[in-house]
Amino acid sequence: MNGKMAALLQKASLRWPLVARALPTQLPTFEIFEDCVLLKNQWEPNKHVKITDCFDETGFECFINHVHLPFAGTNESLISCLEYAATL
């Protein structure tokens, strides 16, 4: 974790790893494609991307599994984002 994230957690009086308050309503689903672990909801719209388009398999996984979480600057929003990360 970088210093900016550590400061954000400290300001919000949170510790990592975060203990989820409840089970998420929708758990992420994964798909294996050519020995790569992919988030299914990110892979489905990007099936046109080939592993050879990336430097290696890790780069392919990072490209496909890249997600943006809706952090709105509030503690609740931060907790929601962290719970998603902890679930992964």
N, C-alpha and C. Protein backbone atom coordinates (compact mmCIF):
# COMPACT_ATOMS: atom_id res chain seq x y z
N MET A 1 0.86 -1.16 0.00
CA MET A 1 0.00 0.00 0.00
C MET A 1 0.91 1.23 0.00
N ASN A 2 0.51 2.23 -0.77
CA ASN A 2 1.33 3.44 -0.82
C ASN A 2 0.96 4.39 0.33
N GLY A 3 1.74 5.43 0.50
CA GLY A 3 1.54 6.38 1.60
C GLY A 3 0.21 7.09 1.54
N LYS A 4 -0.25 7.40 0.33
CA LYS A 4 -1.53 8.11 0.18
C LYS A 4 -2.69 7.24 0.69
N MET A 5 -2.66 5.96 0.35
CA MET A 5 -3.72 5.06 0.82
C MET A 5 -3.62 4.85 2.32
N ALA A 6 -2.40 4.71 2.85
CA ALA A 6 -2.22 4.55 4.29
C ALA A 6 -2.77 5.76 5.04
N ALA A 7 -2.54 6.96 4.52
CA ALA A 7 -3.06 8.17 5.15
C ALA A 7 -4.59 8.21 5.09
N LEU A 8 -5.16 7.78 3.98
CA LEU A 8 -6.61 7.76 3.83
C LEU A 8 -7.24 6.79 4.83
N LEU A 9 -6.64 5.62 4.99
CA LEU A 9 -7.14 4.65 5.97
C LEU A 9 -7.03 5.19 7.39
N GLN A 10 -5.90 5.83 7.69
CA GLN A 10 -5.71 6.37 9.03
C GLN A 10 -6.73 7.48 9.30
N LYS A 11 -6.95 8.35 8.35
CA LYS A 11 -7.92 9.44 8.50
C LYS A 11 -9.34 8.90 8.74
N ALA A 12 -9.65 7.77 8.09
CA ALA A 12 -10.98 7.16 8.23
C ALA A 12 -11.06 6.21 9.42
N SER A 13 -9.96 6.08 10.18
CA SER A 13 -9.88 5.16 11.33
C SER A 13 -10.18 3.72 10.92
N LEU A 14 -9.61 3.32 9.78
CA LEU A 14 -9.80 1.96 9.28
C LEU A 14 -8.46 1.24 9.27
N ARG A 15 -8.51 -0.08 9.35
CA ARG A 15 -7.31 -0.89 9.28
C ARG A 15 -7.44 -1.86 8.12
N TRP A 16 -6.30 -2.20 7.53
CA TRP A 16 -6.29 -3.20 6.46
C TRP A 16 -5.55 -4.42 6.95
N PRO A 17 -6.02 -5.63 6.76
CA PRO A 17 -7.17 -5.94 5.92
C PRO A 17 -8.47 -5.61 6.63
N LEU A 18 -9.42 -5.16 5.86
CA LEU A 18 -10.73 -4.79 6.35
C LEU A 18 -11.56 -6.04 6.55
N VAL A 19 -12.26 -6.12 7.66
CA VAL A 19 -13.17 -7.22 7.88
C VAL A 19 -14.53 -6.79 7.34
N ALA A 20 -15.03 -7.52 6.36
CA ALA A 20 -16.31 -7.16 5.75
C ALA A 20 -17.42 -7.23 6.79
N ARG A 21 -18.31 -6.25 6.74
CA ARG A 21 -19.43 -6.19 7.68
C ARG A 21 -20.47 -7.26 7.39
N ALA A 22 -20.60 -7.61 6.13
CA ALA A 22 -21.55 -8.63 5.70
C ALA A 22 -21.04 -9.21 4.39
N LEU A 23 -21.57 -10.35 4.05
CA LEU A 23 -21.19 -10.91 2.75
C LEU A 23 -21.69 -10.01 1.64
N PRO A 24 -20.89 -9.78 0.63
CA PRO A 24 -21.35 -8.96 -0.49
C PRO A 24 -22.55 -9.61 -1.15
N THR A 25 -23.43 -8.77 -1.69
CA THR A 25 -24.63 -9.30 -2.33
C THR A 25 -24.28 -10.02 -3.63
N GLN A 26 -23.21 -9.62 -4.25
CA GLN A 26 -22.80 -10.28 -5.49
C GLN A 26 -21.30 -10.50 -5.47
N LEU A 27 -20.91 -11.76 -5.37
CA LEU A 27 -19.49 -12.09 -5.38
C LEU A 27 -18.96 -12.06 -6.81
N PRO A 28 -17.72 -11.60 -6.99
CA PRO A 28 -17.16 -11.60 -8.33
C PRO A 28 -17.01 -13.04 -8.84
N THR A 29 -17.25 -13.23 -10.13
CA THR A 29 -17.05 -14.54 -10.73
C THR A 29 -15.82 -14.48 -11.62
N PHE A 30 -15.14 -15.60 -11.69
CA PHE A 30 -13.89 -15.68 -12.43
C PHE A 30 -14.01 -16.65 -13.59
N GLU A 31 -13.18 -16.45 -14.57
CA GLU A 31 -13.10 -17.36 -15.70
C GLU A 31 -11.62 -17.62 -15.98
N ILE A 32 -11.30 -18.85 -16.28
CA ILE A 32 -9.93 -19.21 -16.64
C ILE A 32 -9.84 -19.22 -18.17
N PHE A 33 -8.88 -18.49 -18.69
CA PHE A 33 -8.67 -18.46 -20.14
C PHE A 33 -7.17 -18.58 -20.38
N GLU A 34 -6.77 -19.66 -21.01
CA GLU A 34 -5.36 -19.92 -21.32
C GLU A 34 -4.45 -19.67 -20.10
N ASP A 35 -4.80 -20.30 -18.99
CA ASP A 35 -4.06 -20.23 -17.73
C ASP A 35 -4.09 -18.86 -17.06
N CYS A 36 -4.97 -17.97 -17.49
CA CYS A 36 -5.11 -16.65 -16.87
C CYS A 36 -6.40 -16.61 -16.08
N VAL A 37 -6.37 -15.99 -14.90
CA VAL A 37 -7.56 -15.84 -14.06
C VAL A 37 -8.14 -14.45 -14.35
N LEU A 38 -9.38 -14.44 -14.84
CA LEU A 38 -10.00 -13.19 -15.26
C LEU A 38 -11.32 -12.96 -14.56
N LEU A 39 -11.61 -11.70 -14.25
CA LEU A 39 -12.93 -11.34 -13.75
C LEU A 39 -13.90 -11.47 -14.91
N LYS A 40 -14.91 -12.30 -14.74
CA LYS A 40 -15.82 -12.60 -15.84
C LYS A 40 -16.50 -11.35 -16.40
N ASN A 41 -16.93 -10.44 -15.52
CA ASN A 41 -17.62 -9.24 -16.01
C ASN A 41 -16.69 -8.27 -16.75
N GLN A 42 -15.39 -8.42 -16.59
CA GLN A 42 -14.43 -7.62 -17.34
C GLN A 42 -14.00 -8.34 -18.62
N TRP A 43 -13.97 -9.67 -18.58
CA TRP A 43 -13.54 -10.46 -19.71
C TRP A 43 -14.59 -10.47 -20.82
N GLU A 44 -15.86 -10.62 -20.46
CA GLU A 44 -16.93 -10.73 -21.46
C GLU A 44 -16.88 -9.63 -22.52
N PRO A 45 -16.81 -8.35 -22.15
CA PRO A 45 -16.80 -7.31 -23.19
C PRO A 45 -15.44 -7.12 -23.86
N ASN A 46 -14.42 -7.83 -23.39
CA ASN A 46 -13.07 -7.63 -23.92
C ASN A 46 -12.46 -8.88 -24.55
N LYS A 47 -13.32 -9.79 -24.99
CA LYS A 47 -12.82 -11.04 -25.57
C LYS A 47 -12.05 -10.82 -26.86
N HIS A 48 -12.14 -9.63 -27.41
CA HIS A 48 -11.38 -9.33 -28.63
C HIS A 48 -9.89 -9.12 -28.34
N VAL A 49 -9.53 -8.88 -27.07
CA VAL A 49 -8.14 -8.66 -26.69
C VAL A 49 -7.44 -10.02 -26.62
N LYS A 50 -6.27 -10.09 -27.19
CA LYS A 50 -5.49 -11.32 -27.20
C LYS A 50 -4.30 -11.20 -26.25
N ILE A 51 -3.86 -12.31 -25.72
CA ILE A 51 -2.70 -12.31 -24.84
C ILE A 51 -1.50 -11.71 -25.57
N THR A 52 -1.38 -11.98 -26.85
CA THR A 52 -0.26 -11.46 -27.63
C THR A 52 -0.31 -9.94 -27.79
N ASP A 53 -1.47 -9.33 -27.49
CA ASP A 53 -1.57 -7.87 -27.50
C ASP A 53 -0.86 -7.25 -26.29
N CYS A 54 -0.57 -8.09 -25.30
CA CYS A 54 0.07 -7.63 -24.06
C CYS A 54 1.48 -8.20 -23.97
N PHE A 55 2.25 -7.69 -23.05
CA PHE A 55 3.64 -8.12 -22.89
C PHE A 55 3.75 -9.58 -22.50
N ASP A 56 2.87 -10.01 -21.58
CA ASP A 56 2.86 -11.40 -21.12
C ASP A 56 1.51 -11.69 -20.48
N GLU A 57 1.36 -12.90 -19.90
CA GLU A 57 0.09 -13.28 -19.29
C GLU A 57 -0.30 -12.37 -18.13
N THR A 58 0.68 -11.97 -17.34
CA THR A 58 0.39 -11.08 -16.21
C THR A 58 -0.14 -9.74 -16.71
N GLY A 59 0.48 -9.21 -17.74
CA GLY A 59 -0.01 -7.96 -18.33
C GLY A 59 -1.41 -8.10 -18.88
N PHE A 60 -1.70 -9.26 -19.48
CA PHE A 60 -3.04 -9.54 -19.99
C PHE A 60 -4.06 -9.56 -18.86
N GLU A 61 -3.73 -10.27 -17.77
CA GLU A 61 -4.63 -10.32 -16.62
C GLU A 61 -4.86 -8.92 -16.05
N CYS A 62 -3.81 -8.14 -15.93
CA CYS A 62 -3.93 -6.78 -15.39
C CYS A 62 -4.80 -5.91 -16.30
N PHE A 63 -4.63 -6.04 -17.61
CA PHE A 63 -5.41 -5.25 -18.55
C PHE A 63 -6.89 -5.63 -18.46
N ILE A 64 -7.19 -6.91 -18.46
CA ILE A 64 -8.59 -7.35 -18.43
C ILE A 64 -9.21 -7.08 -17.06
N ASN A 65 -8.50 -7.36 -15.99
CA ASN A 65 -9.06 -7.25 -14.64
C ASN A 65 -9.02 -5.83 -14.07
N HIS A 66 -8.67 -4.87 -14.86
CA HIS A 66 -8.60 -3.47 -14.43
C HIS A 66 -10.00 -2.94 -14.15
N VAL A 67 -10.26 -2.57 -12.91
CA VAL A 67 -11.58 -2.03 -12.55
C VAL A 67 -11.42 -0.67 -11.87
N HIS A 68 -12.43 0.14 -11.99
CA HIS A 68 -12.50 1.42 -11.29
C HIS A 68 -13.66 1.34 -10.32
N LEU A 69 -13.38 1.60 -9.06
CA LEU A 69 -14.43 1.56 -8.04
C LEU A 69 -14.91 2.97 -7.75
N PRO A 70 -16.19 3.12 -7.46
CA PRO A 70 -16.78 4.45 -7.28
C PRO A 70 -16.49 5.06 -5.90
N PHE A 71 -15.28 5.59 -5.70
CA PHE A 71 -14.94 6.25 -4.44
C PHE A 71 -15.42 7.69 -4.49
N ALA A 72 -16.33 8.04 -3.57
CA ALA A 72 -16.94 9.37 -3.55
C ALA A 72 -16.35 10.27 -2.47
N GLY A 73 -15.30 9.82 -1.79
CA GLY A 73 -14.67 10.64 -0.78
C GLY A 73 -15.24 10.47 0.62
N THR A 74 -16.23 9.60 0.77
CA THR A 74 -16.84 9.38 2.09
C THR A 74 -16.31 8.08 2.70
N ASN A 75 -16.46 7.95 4.02
CA ASN A 75 -16.05 6.71 4.68
C ASN A 75 -16.84 5.51 4.15
N GLU A 76 -18.15 5.68 3.95
CA GLU A 76 -18.97 4.58 3.44
C GLU A 76 -18.51 4.14 2.07
N SER A 77 -18.18 5.11 1.22
CA SER A 77 -17.69 4.79 -0.11
C SER A 77 -16.35 4.06 -0.03
N LEU A 78 -15.47 4.53 0.83
CA LEU A 78 -14.17 3.89 1.02
C LEU A 78 -14.35 2.46 1.52
N ILE A 79 -15.23 2.27 2.48
CA ILE A 79 -15.48 0.93 3.03
C ILE A 79 -16.03 0.02 1.94
N SER A 80 -16.93 0.51 1.11
CA SER A 80 -17.48 -0.29 0.02
C SER A 80 -16.38 -0.73 -0.94
N CYS A 81 -15.50 0.17 -1.30
CA CYS A 81 -14.39 -0.16 -2.20
C CYS A 81 -13.45 -1.18 -1.56
N LEU A 82 -13.14 -0.98 -0.29
CA LEU A 82 -12.24 -1.90 0.41
C LEU A 82 -12.86 -3.29 0.59
N GLU A 83 -14.17 -3.33 0.82
CA GLU A 83 -14.85 -4.62 0.95
C GLU A 83 -14.77 -5.38 -0.37
N TYR A 84 -14.92 -4.67 -1.48
CA TYR A 84 -14.79 -5.33 -2.79
C TYR A 84 -13.38 -5.89 -2.96
N ALA A 85 -12.37 -5.08 -2.62
CA ALA A 85 -10.99 -5.54 -2.74
C ALA A 85 -10.72 -6.73 -1.82
N ALA A 86 -11.24 -6.69 -0.60
CA ALA A 86 -11.04 -7.80 0.34
C ALA A 86 -11.75 -9.07 -0.15
N THR A 87 -12.88 -8.90 -0.80
CA THR A 87 -13.61 -10.05 -1.34
C THR A 87 -12.80 -10.71 -2.44
N LEU A 88 -12.17 -9.89 -3.28
CA LEU A 88 -11.33 -10.47 -4.34
C LEU A 88 -10.20 -11.27 -3.74
